[in-house]
Protein backbone atom coordinates (compact mmCIF):
# COMPACT_ATOMS: atom_id res chain seq x y z
CA MET A 1 -110.18 22.03 164.67
CA SER A 2 -109.78 18.76 162.78
CA GLU A 3 -107.35 16.26 164.05
CA THR A 4 -104.25 15.41 161.98
CA GLN A 5 -104.48 11.95 160.53
CA PRO A 6 -101.62 9.68 161.45
CA ILE A 7 -99.25 8.67 158.63
CA ASP A 8 -99.28 5.04 157.67
CA PRO A 9 -95.86 3.63 158.60
CA ARG A 10 -95.69 1.82 155.22
CA TYR A 11 -95.40 5.16 153.38
CA ALA A 12 -93.50 7.20 155.95
CA ASP A 13 -90.03 6.74 154.37
CA ARG A 14 -91.10 6.96 150.73
CA SER A 15 -89.89 9.97 148.74
CA PRO A 16 -91.67 11.29 145.60
CA ARG A 17 -90.89 9.40 142.38
CA PRO A 18 -88.62 11.28 139.99
CA SER A 19 -90.15 12.13 136.61
CA ALA A 20 -89.40 9.58 133.89
CA ARG A 21 -86.64 10.84 131.59
CA LYS A 22 -84.61 9.24 128.82
CA PRO A 23 -81.04 8.77 129.84
CA LYS A 24 -78.96 11.46 128.18
CA LYS A 25 -76.26 9.00 127.19
CA ARG A 26 -78.72 6.81 125.31
CA ARG A 27 -80.10 9.78 123.38
CA ASN A 28 -76.60 10.94 122.40
CA TRP A 29 -75.70 7.42 121.26
CA PHE A 30 -78.79 7.33 119.04
CA LEU A 31 -77.98 10.70 117.43
CA ARG A 32 -74.37 9.67 116.81
CA THR A 33 -75.51 6.43 115.18
CA VAL A 34 -77.93 8.24 112.87
CA GLY A 35 -75.25 10.78 111.99
CA LEU A 36 -72.78 8.02 111.18
CA ILE A 37 -75.28 6.25 108.92
CA VAL A 38 -76.01 9.50 107.05
CA LEU A 39 -72.28 10.18 106.68
CA LEU A 40 -71.62 6.68 105.32
CA PHE A 41 -74.52 7.06 102.88
CA VAL A 42 -73.16 10.38 101.58
CA LEU A 43 -69.67 8.90 101.25
CA MET A 44 -71.11 5.99 99.28
CA LEU A 45 -72.91 8.39 96.91
CA ILE A 46 -69.56 10.08 96.24
CA ALA A 47 -67.12 7.17 96.37
CA VAL A 48 -68.97 4.76 94.08
CA PRO A 49 -69.08 7.14 91.05
CA LEU A 50 -65.41 8.04 91.60
CA TYR A 51 -64.49 4.36 91.63
CA ALA A 52 -66.59 3.68 88.53
CA TRP A 53 -65.09 6.68 86.73
CA SER A 54 -61.56 5.39 87.38
CA ARG A 55 -62.43 2.17 85.52
CA ILE A 56 -63.87 3.74 82.35
CA ASP A 57 -61.73 3.40 79.22
CA LYS A 58 -60.60 6.73 77.77
CA ILE A 59 -59.37 7.10 74.19
CA GLU A 60 -58.16 9.76 71.77
CA ALA A 61 -61.47 10.21 69.97
CA MET A 62 -61.39 13.84 68.86
CA PRO A 63 -60.26 14.67 65.30
CA THR A 64 -57.44 17.05 64.54
CA GLY A 65 -57.29 19.88 62.02
CA THR A 66 -59.99 22.43 61.23
CA ARG A 67 -63.19 21.93 63.16
CA PRO A 68 -66.44 23.90 63.67
CA ALA A 69 -66.32 26.67 66.25
CA GLU A 70 -67.31 25.90 69.83
CA THR A 71 -70.94 26.62 70.64
CA PRO A 72 -72.86 27.34 73.85
CA GLY A 73 -73.98 24.27 75.76
CA THR A 74 -72.41 20.82 75.40
CA THR A 75 -72.90 18.31 72.57
CA TYR A 76 -72.19 14.61 73.09
CA LEU A 77 -71.89 11.94 70.41
CA MET A 78 -73.34 8.68 71.72
CA VAL A 79 -72.50 5.47 69.90
CA GLY A 80 -73.87 2.02 70.58
CA SER A 81 -71.17 -0.36 69.40
CA ASP A 82 -71.34 -4.07 68.67
CA ALA A 83 -67.71 -4.46 69.78
CA ARG A 84 -67.17 -8.00 71.08
CA GLU A 85 -63.51 -8.11 72.03
CA ASN A 86 -64.25 -7.63 75.76
CA LEU A 87 -66.88 -10.36 75.81
CA SER A 88 -66.12 -13.95 76.73
CA ARG A 89 -67.34 -16.81 74.56
CA ALA A 90 -70.12 -17.46 77.10
CA GLU A 91 -71.18 -13.81 77.08
CA ARG A 92 -71.29 -13.75 73.28
CA ALA A 93 -73.52 -16.81 73.33
CA ARG A 94 -75.82 -15.31 76.00
CA LEU A 95 -76.15 -11.99 74.16
CA HIS A 96 -76.42 -13.64 70.72
CA THR A 97 -73.64 -11.47 69.30
CA GLY A 98 -71.95 -14.14 67.23
CA GLY A 99 -68.70 -15.91 67.86
CA ASP A 100 -66.37 -13.78 65.73
CA ALA A 101 -65.13 -10.60 67.39
CA GLY A 102 -64.53 -8.82 64.07
CA PRO A 103 -64.35 -5.04 63.60
CA ALA A 104 -66.73 -2.93 65.68
CA ARG A 105 -69.78 -1.39 63.99
CA THR A 106 -72.39 1.07 65.21
CA ASP A 107 -75.83 -0.15 66.15
CA SER A 108 -76.92 3.35 67.11
CA ILE A 109 -75.65 6.91 66.60
CA MET A 110 -77.15 9.76 68.63
CA LEU A 111 -76.33 13.38 69.35
CA MET A 112 -77.32 14.80 72.73
CA HIS A 113 -77.14 18.56 73.23
CA VAL A 114 -77.31 19.90 76.78
CA PRO A 115 -77.99 23.66 76.48
CA LYS A 116 -77.23 26.33 79.03
CA SER A 117 -80.98 26.89 79.20
CA GLY A 118 -83.89 25.20 77.51
CA PRO A 119 -84.72 21.54 76.84
CA THR A 120 -82.05 18.89 76.30
CA VAL A 121 -82.23 17.39 72.78
CA LEU A 122 -81.50 13.81 71.72
CA ILE A 123 -81.20 13.28 67.94
CA SER A 124 -80.99 9.85 66.30
CA ILE A 125 -78.87 9.52 63.18
CA PRO A 126 -79.74 6.42 61.11
CA ARG A 127 -76.59 4.36 60.68
CA ASP A 128 -77.37 3.99 56.95
CA SER A 129 -77.36 7.78 56.42
CA ALA A 130 -75.68 8.78 53.15
CA VAL A 131 -72.79 11.15 53.89
CA ASN A 132 -69.45 12.28 52.54
CA ILE A 133 -66.65 10.73 54.57
CA PRO A 134 -63.35 12.67 54.58
CA GLY A 135 -60.73 10.90 52.45
CA VAL A 136 -63.29 8.65 50.72
CA SER A 137 -64.67 9.40 47.26
CA GLY A 138 -68.42 9.35 46.73
CA ARG A 139 -71.16 9.06 49.32
CA GLN A 140 -71.03 6.26 51.87
CA LYS A 141 -73.15 5.02 54.74
CA ILE A 142 -72.16 6.86 57.90
CA ASN A 143 -71.50 3.56 59.66
CA ALA A 144 -68.43 3.14 57.41
CA ALA A 145 -66.77 6.11 59.13
CA PHE A 146 -66.98 4.45 62.55
CA ASN A 147 -65.47 1.28 61.08
CA LYS A 148 -62.31 3.33 60.53
CA SER A 149 -62.24 5.20 63.86
CA PRO A 150 -64.40 7.25 66.25
CA ALA A 151 -62.40 10.33 65.23
CA LEU A 152 -63.40 9.88 61.59
CA LEU A 153 -67.05 9.46 62.60
CA ILE A 154 -66.88 12.69 64.61
CA GLN A 155 -65.21 14.51 61.72
CA THR A 156 -67.87 13.21 59.32
CA ILE A 157 -70.73 14.34 61.57
CA GLU A 158 -69.14 17.75 62.17
CA ASN A 159 -68.64 18.30 58.43
CA THR A 160 -72.19 17.21 57.68
CA THR A 161 -73.98 19.13 60.44
CA GLY A 162 -71.66 22.10 61.05
CA LEU A 163 -72.02 21.27 64.75
CA ARG A 164 -68.99 20.82 67.00
CA ILE A 165 -68.91 17.59 69.01
CA ASP A 166 -67.58 18.26 72.52
CA HIS A 167 -67.43 14.71 73.89
CA TYR A 168 -67.71 11.08 72.84
CA VAL A 169 -69.47 8.22 74.69
CA GLU A 170 -69.50 4.63 73.43
CA VAL A 171 -71.38 1.72 75.00
CA GLY A 172 -70.80 -1.90 74.02
CA PHE A 173 -73.16 -4.87 74.05
CA GLY A 174 -72.07 -6.22 77.43
CA GLY A 175 -72.32 -2.88 79.21
CA PHE A 176 -75.82 -2.22 77.87
CA ALA A 177 -77.18 -5.59 79.01
CA SER A 178 -75.43 -5.32 82.39
CA VAL A 179 -76.96 -1.92 83.14
CA ILE A 180 -80.44 -3.21 82.28
CA ASP A 181 -80.00 -6.17 84.62
CA SER A 182 -78.50 -4.02 87.39
CA VAL A 183 -81.65 -1.86 87.59
CA GLY A 184 -83.86 -4.94 87.69
CA GLY A 185 -85.03 -4.79 84.06
CA ILE A 186 -86.86 -2.12 82.07
CA ASN A 187 -90.60 -1.94 81.47
CA MET A 188 -91.57 -1.49 77.83
CA CYS A 189 -95.03 -1.42 76.25
CA LEU A 190 -95.16 -3.09 72.83
CA PRO A 191 -98.08 -2.12 70.56
CA LYS A 192 -97.76 -5.47 68.77
CA PRO A 193 -95.72 -8.67 69.10
CA MET A 194 -92.08 -8.64 68.02
CA ASN A 195 -90.59 -11.81 66.57
CA ASP A 196 -87.15 -11.35 65.03
CA LYS A 197 -84.91 -14.40 64.74
CA LEU A 198 -81.92 -12.27 63.75
CA ALA A 199 -82.28 -10.21 66.95
CA HIS A 200 -83.16 -13.37 68.94
CA ILE A 201 -86.40 -12.01 70.38
CA ASN A 202 -89.96 -13.27 70.47
CA LEU A 203 -91.91 -10.78 72.59
CA PRO A 204 -95.70 -10.60 73.04
CA ALA A 205 -97.69 -7.39 72.69
CA GLY A 206 -98.37 -5.37 75.83
CA CYS A 207 -96.40 -3.96 78.75
CA GLN A 208 -93.67 -6.22 80.09
CA LYS A 209 -90.31 -6.17 81.85
CA LEU A 210 -87.30 -6.81 79.63
CA ASP A 211 -84.04 -8.19 81.01
CA GLY A 212 -80.67 -7.29 79.52
CA VAL A 213 -80.72 -9.91 76.75
CA ASN A 214 -84.27 -9.16 75.59
CA ALA A 215 -83.70 -5.40 75.85
CA LEU A 216 -80.61 -5.71 73.65
CA GLY A 217 -82.59 -7.62 71.04
CA TYR A 218 -85.44 -5.11 71.31
CA VAL A 219 -83.23 -2.12 70.44
CA ARG A 220 -81.25 -4.00 67.75
CA SER A 221 -84.18 -5.45 65.81
CA ARG A 222 -84.65 -4.08 62.28
CA HIS A 223 -87.17 -6.56 60.89
CA ALA A 224 -89.85 -7.11 63.54
CA ASP A 225 -91.95 -3.99 62.89
CA GLY A 226 -91.37 -3.37 59.18
CA GLN A 227 -89.83 0.06 59.83
CA ASN A 228 -86.18 -0.91 59.44
CA ASP A 229 -83.86 1.71 60.97
CA PHE A 230 -86.69 4.18 61.67
CA GLY A 231 -88.48 1.89 64.10
CA ARG A 232 -85.20 0.89 65.66
CA VAL A 233 -83.95 4.41 66.37
CA GLN A 234 -87.28 5.26 67.99
CA ARG A 235 -87.05 2.19 70.25
CA GLN A 236 -83.45 3.09 71.08
CA ARG A 237 -84.46 6.59 72.20
CA GLU A 238 -87.31 5.18 74.30
CA MET A 239 -84.94 2.70 75.93
CA VAL A 240 -82.30 5.36 76.64
CA GLY A 241 -84.92 7.50 78.40
CA ALA A 242 -86.30 4.54 80.38
CA ILE A 243 -82.83 3.50 81.55
CA ALA A 244 -81.92 7.05 82.58
CA LYS A 245 -85.19 7.44 84.49
CA LYS A 246 -84.84 4.20 86.43
CA ALA A 247 -81.11 4.56 87.07
CA SER A 248 -81.63 8.02 88.61
CA SER A 249 -84.78 7.16 90.58
CA PRO A 250 -84.91 7.18 94.41
CA SER A 251 -85.30 3.38 94.35
CA THR A 252 -81.77 3.21 92.95
CA PHE A 253 -80.10 5.82 95.15
CA LEU A 254 -81.67 4.48 98.34
CA ASN A 255 -80.65 0.89 97.59
CA PRO A 256 -76.86 0.61 98.09
CA PHE A 257 -76.60 -2.70 96.20
CA ARG A 258 -78.55 -1.45 93.18
CA TYR A 259 -76.72 1.89 93.25
CA TYR A 260 -73.35 0.14 93.23
CA GLY A 261 -74.48 -2.18 90.44
CA VAL A 262 -75.77 0.63 88.22
CA ALA A 263 -72.58 2.65 88.73
CA THR A 264 -70.14 -0.19 88.12
CA LYS A 265 -71.73 -2.91 85.99
CA GLY A 266 -71.49 -1.16 82.66
CA VAL A 267 -68.22 0.72 83.01
CA ASP A 268 -66.07 -2.08 81.63
CA ALA A 269 -67.84 -1.69 78.27
CA LEU A 270 -67.99 2.12 78.41
CA THR A 271 -65.51 4.27 76.47
CA VAL A 272 -65.20 8.07 76.51
CA ASP A 273 -62.84 10.62 75.03
CA LYS A 274 -59.72 11.54 76.99
CA ASP A 275 -60.76 15.18 77.24
CA MET A 276 -63.89 14.33 79.21
CA SER A 277 -63.75 15.11 82.93
CA LEU A 278 -65.87 13.63 85.67
CA PHE A 279 -67.92 16.84 85.72
CA ASP A 280 -68.49 16.52 81.96
CA PHE A 281 -69.72 12.98 82.54
CA ILE A 282 -72.02 14.12 85.35
CA ARG A 283 -73.43 16.75 82.95
CA PHE A 284 -73.94 13.94 80.43
CA ALA A 285 -75.80 11.87 83.05
CA ARG A 286 -78.00 14.84 83.91
CA GLY A 287 -78.77 15.31 80.23
CA MET A 288 -79.81 11.67 80.00
CA ARG A 289 -82.08 12.20 83.00
CA ALA A 290 -83.62 15.26 81.34
CA ILE A 291 -84.37 13.26 78.20
CA SER A 292 -86.38 10.78 80.26
CA GLY A 293 -88.68 13.56 81.53
CA SER A 294 -91.27 15.74 79.89
CA GLY A 295 -88.78 18.57 79.34
CA GLY A 296 -86.58 16.68 76.87
CA VAL A 297 -86.88 16.65 73.07
CA THR A 298 -86.23 13.45 71.10
CA LEU A 299 -86.24 13.25 67.32
CA THR A 300 -84.67 11.66 64.25
CA VAL A 301 -82.79 13.59 61.56
CA PRO A 302 -85.46 14.48 58.93
CA ILE A 303 -85.36 12.13 55.92
CA SER A 304 -86.25 12.89 52.30
CA ASN A 305 -85.53 9.46 50.78
CA ASP A 306 -85.19 6.13 52.59
CA ASN A 307 -84.38 4.28 49.35
CA TYR A 308 -81.42 6.30 48.15
CA HIS A 309 -79.08 4.29 45.90
CA LEU A 310 -75.41 4.94 46.43
CA SER A 311 -73.09 4.97 43.43
CA ASN A 312 -70.75 2.13 42.47
CA GLY A 313 -73.07 -0.51 43.90
CA ARG A 314 -72.59 0.55 47.52
CA GLY A 315 -76.16 -0.32 48.39
CA VAL A 316 -79.28 1.54 49.50
CA ALA A 317 -78.95 4.34 52.04
CA VAL A 318 -81.01 7.04 53.77
CA LYS A 319 -80.89 10.59 52.41
CA TRP A 320 -81.48 13.48 54.80
CA ASP A 321 -83.88 16.33 54.14
CA THR A 322 -81.09 18.90 53.92
CA ALA A 323 -83.17 22.02 54.64
CA LYS A 324 -85.02 20.59 57.65
CA ALA A 325 -81.88 19.00 59.07
CA LYS A 326 -79.97 22.28 58.73
CA ALA A 327 -82.70 24.13 60.64
CA ILE A 328 -82.35 21.69 63.56
CA PHE A 329 -78.57 21.86 63.71
CA ASP A 330 -78.56 25.65 63.33
CA ALA A 331 -80.89 25.88 66.34
CA ILE A 332 -78.55 23.69 68.36
CA LYS A 333 -75.49 25.73 67.32
CA ALA A 334 -77.29 28.83 68.61
CA ASP A 335 -78.18 26.93 71.81
CA ASN A 336 -81.81 27.71 71.02
CA THR A 337 -83.60 24.39 71.56
CA SER A 338 -86.91 25.77 72.82
CA GLY A 339 -88.50 25.69 69.35
CA LEU A 340 -87.60 22.04 68.64
CA LYS A 341 -90.32 19.42 68.92
CA SER A 342 -90.15 15.67 69.48
CA SER A 343 -90.85 13.45 66.51
């Protein structure tokens, strides 16, 4: 029988070490902290748009009297206005808008239709389009209707297209430039240089990041590419899609400072109709996001004559191709946008 070895006195009173465990209190504190951060983030995502929405100007934009019947889906009239009354003298100088406030005019007119199903459609209407304006004899440029009031512009478009406009969205110079700057600029690829002294731009060919001032000149230019309004409306649609894509990207939502800037910077120059609700505006924002993706359709009203002479010396206008334009608007009225193609 083997003898029992004596126990070393140095280890006689030592008990086994307990297994290493994280203190329960520390783990609970960590989970509570993470939960609080997530809660604050969610509250920010909700509170910032509500705050921005409360600051948006709302006007009586819808016409009265007989109007086209309501159609499935939602149709928005989007107007880019050169209104200057909300701009300071310094802002007018920075944006090259001129010193005189003057009456507001449209720099862009677009219809966006968000269907119940199918692709969202964004249609550019050249501001020199020849139309019949209610209460005015003879054909006029459509821009003249907006000079009177947004309601008259809506009535003119409804009479011309047979399409009911559900909501109105207007963006001014300052708001446009502010949104561009708040997302850190927009990347645009220019096939050739653009030098337009009237639009105050001198841009090289190639891909580049445009700040608010250069982006404003880029979408306003009518003389840099020799395409007049046709080149401009195409650039405007491209810019709208690029802004929507960047503003709704994860890099914006996950950056509280950028998210706040995007949501609030442009609202002071944004105007909507009084009938629009926050949910209508969210649907509008989703439509803008859809346009920036591959599922959206962007086009210009088909034209038959870009050198149409108005009577009584009212200048040269753009005449629509009535049959092709009617086919597009009939498809939208039926909420059947699947057959429409970008152009």
